[in-house]
């Protein structure tokens, strides 16, 4: 997963005073899943990112680009 997204999730969580455990509960995802995301060890699904961004009060924008050949 892109390092910028990882940093943004972690910084926002800490800014709001949320622990990994509380964010995972509020977002309805597993604690291990969140830890792996923040460590950059797994790539979350779009749905998981939506859940996290909803709790963190962030807007999730997705851009799909066509490859240039």
C-alpha atoms as a PDB file:
ATOM      1  CA  UNK A   1       0.000   0.000   0.000  1.00  0.00           C
ATOM      2  CA  UNK A   2       1.195   3.499  -0.704  1.00  0.00           C
ATOM      3  CA  UNK A   3       3.191   4.952   2.215  1.00  0.00           C
ATOM      4  CA  UNK A   4       1.277   8.256   2.073  1.00  0.00           C
ATOM      5  CA  UNK A   5      -2.027   6.509   2.770  1.00  0.00           C
ATOM      6  CA  UNK A   6      -0.506   4.562   5.655  1.00  0.00           C
ATOM      7  CA  UNK A   7       0.918   7.734   7.193  1.00  0.00           C
ATOM      8  CA  UNK A   8      -2.359   9.608   6.788  1.00  0.00           C
ATOM      9  CA  UNK A   9      -4.394   6.882   8.493  1.00  0.00           C
ATOM     10  CA  UNK A  10      -1.997   6.629  11.423  1.00  0.00           C
ATOM     11  CA  UNK A  11      -1.589  10.400  11.854  1.00  0.00           C
ATOM     12  CA  UNK A  12      -5.329  11.027  11.749  1.00  0.00           C
ATOM     13  CA  UNK A  13      -5.997   8.191  14.216  1.00  0.00           C
ATOM     14  CA  UNK A  14      -3.422   9.579  16.637  1.00  0.00           C
ATOM     15  CA  UNK A  15      -4.698  13.158  16.147  1.00  0.00           C
ATOM     16  CA  UNK A  16      -8.163  12.000  17.189  1.00  0.00           C
ATOM     17  CA  UNK A  17      -6.716  10.197  20.211  1.00  0.00           C
ATOM     18  CA  UNK A  18      -7.846   6.788  18.994  1.00  0.00           C
ATOM     19  CA  UNK A  19      -5.971   3.601  19.718  1.00  0.00           C
ATOM     20  CA  UNK A  20      -5.653   0.943  17.069  1.00  0.00           C
ATOM     21  CA  UNK A  21      -8.058  -1.147  19.108  1.00  0.00           C
ATOM     22  CA  UNK A  22     -10.723   1.562  19.297  1.00  0.00           C
ATOM     23  CA  UNK A  23     -10.443   2.414  15.582  1.00  0.00           C
ATOM     24  CA  UNK A  24     -10.704  -1.226  14.596  1.00  0.00           C
ATOM     25  CA  UNK A  25     -13.825  -1.639  16.757  1.00  0.00           C
ATOM     26  CA  UNK A  26     -15.470   1.534  15.460  1.00  0.00           C
ATOM     27  CA  UNK A  27     -14.670   0.621  11.851  1.00  0.00           C
ATOM     28  CA  UNK A  28     -15.786  -2.974  12.254  1.00  0.00           C
ATOM     29  CA  UNK A  29     -12.465  -4.444  11.161  1.00  0.00           C
ATOM     30  CA  UNK A  30     -10.051  -6.748  12.917  1.00  0.00           C
ATOM     31  CA  UNK A  31      -7.325  -5.299  15.099  1.00  0.00           C
ATOM     32  CA  UNK A  32      -4.702  -7.408  13.315  1.00  0.00           C
ATOM     33  CA  UNK A  33      -5.988  -6.073   9.977  1.00  0.00           C
ATOM     34  CA  UNK A  34      -5.509  -2.468  11.103  1.00  0.00           C
ATOM     35  CA  UNK A  35      -2.078  -3.204  12.546  1.00  0.00           C
ATOM     36  CA  UNK A  36      -0.998  -4.828   9.292  1.00  0.00           C
ATOM     37  CA  UNK A  37      -2.269  -1.843   7.303  1.00  0.00           C
ATOM     38  CA  UNK A  38      -0.385   0.639   9.488  1.00  0.00           C
ATOM     39  CA  UNK A  39       2.771  -1.482   9.254  1.00  0.00           C
ATOM     40  CA  UNK A  40       2.430  -1.637   5.475  1.00  0.00           C
ATOM     41  CA  UNK A  41       2.235  -5.419   5.618  1.00  0.00           C
ATOM     42  CA  UNK A  42      -1.133  -5.715   3.899  1.00  0.00           C
ATOM     43  CA  UNK A  43      -3.178  -3.835   1.351  1.00  0.00           C
ATOM     44  CA  UNK A  44      -6.729  -3.165   2.481  1.00  0.00           C
ATOM     45  CA  UNK A  45      -9.733  -3.577   0.280  1.00  0.00           C
ATOM     46  CA  UNK A  46     -11.567  -0.490  -0.867  1.00  0.00           C
ATOM     47  CA  UNK A  47     -14.375  -1.375   1.552  1.00  0.00           C
ATOM     48  CA  UNK A  48     -11.929  -1.513   4.475  1.00  0.00           C
ATOM     49  CA  UNK A  49     -10.505   1.883   3.503  1.00  0.00           C
ATOM     50  CA  UNK A  50     -14.066   3.258   3.370  1.00  0.00           C
ATOM     51  CA  UNK A  51     -14.769   1.984   6.881  1.00  0.00           C
ATOM     52  CA  UNK A  52     -11.566   3.477   8.256  1.00  0.00           C
ATOM     53  CA  UNK A  53     -12.041   6.821   6.506  1.00  0.00           C
ATOM     54  CA  UNK A  54     -15.645   7.067   7.743  1.00  0.00           C
ATOM     55  CA  UNK A  55     -14.538   6.709  11.364  1.00  0.00           C
ATOM     56  CA  UNK A  56     -11.637   9.106  10.901  1.00  0.00           C
ATOM     57  CA  UNK A  57     -13.876  11.705   9.227  1.00  0.00           C
ATOM     58  CA  UNK A  58     -11.869  11.603   6.032  1.00  0.00           C
ATOM     59  CA  UNK A  59     -13.047  11.703   2.442  1.00  0.00           C
ATOM     60  CA  UNK A  60     -11.901   8.779   0.327  1.00  0.00           C
ATOM     61  CA  UNK A  61     -11.319   9.567  -3.336  1.00  0.00           C
ATOM     62  CA  UNK A  62     -10.455   6.890  -5.849  1.00  0.00           C
ATOM     63  CA  UNK A  63      -8.950   7.610  -9.233  1.00  0.00           C
ATOM     64  CA  UNK A  64      -8.828   4.940 -11.878  1.00  0.00           C
ATOM     65  CA  UNK A  65      -6.305   5.524 -14.625  1.00  0.00           C
ATOM     66  CA  UNK A  66      -6.075   3.817 -17.973  1.00  0.00           C
ATOM     67  CA  UNK A  67      -2.572   2.508 -18.660  1.00  0.00           C
ATOM     68  CA  UNK A  68      -0.667   4.314 -21.384  1.00  0.00           C
ATOM     69  CA  UNK A  69       0.692   1.906 -23.986  1.00  0.00           C
END
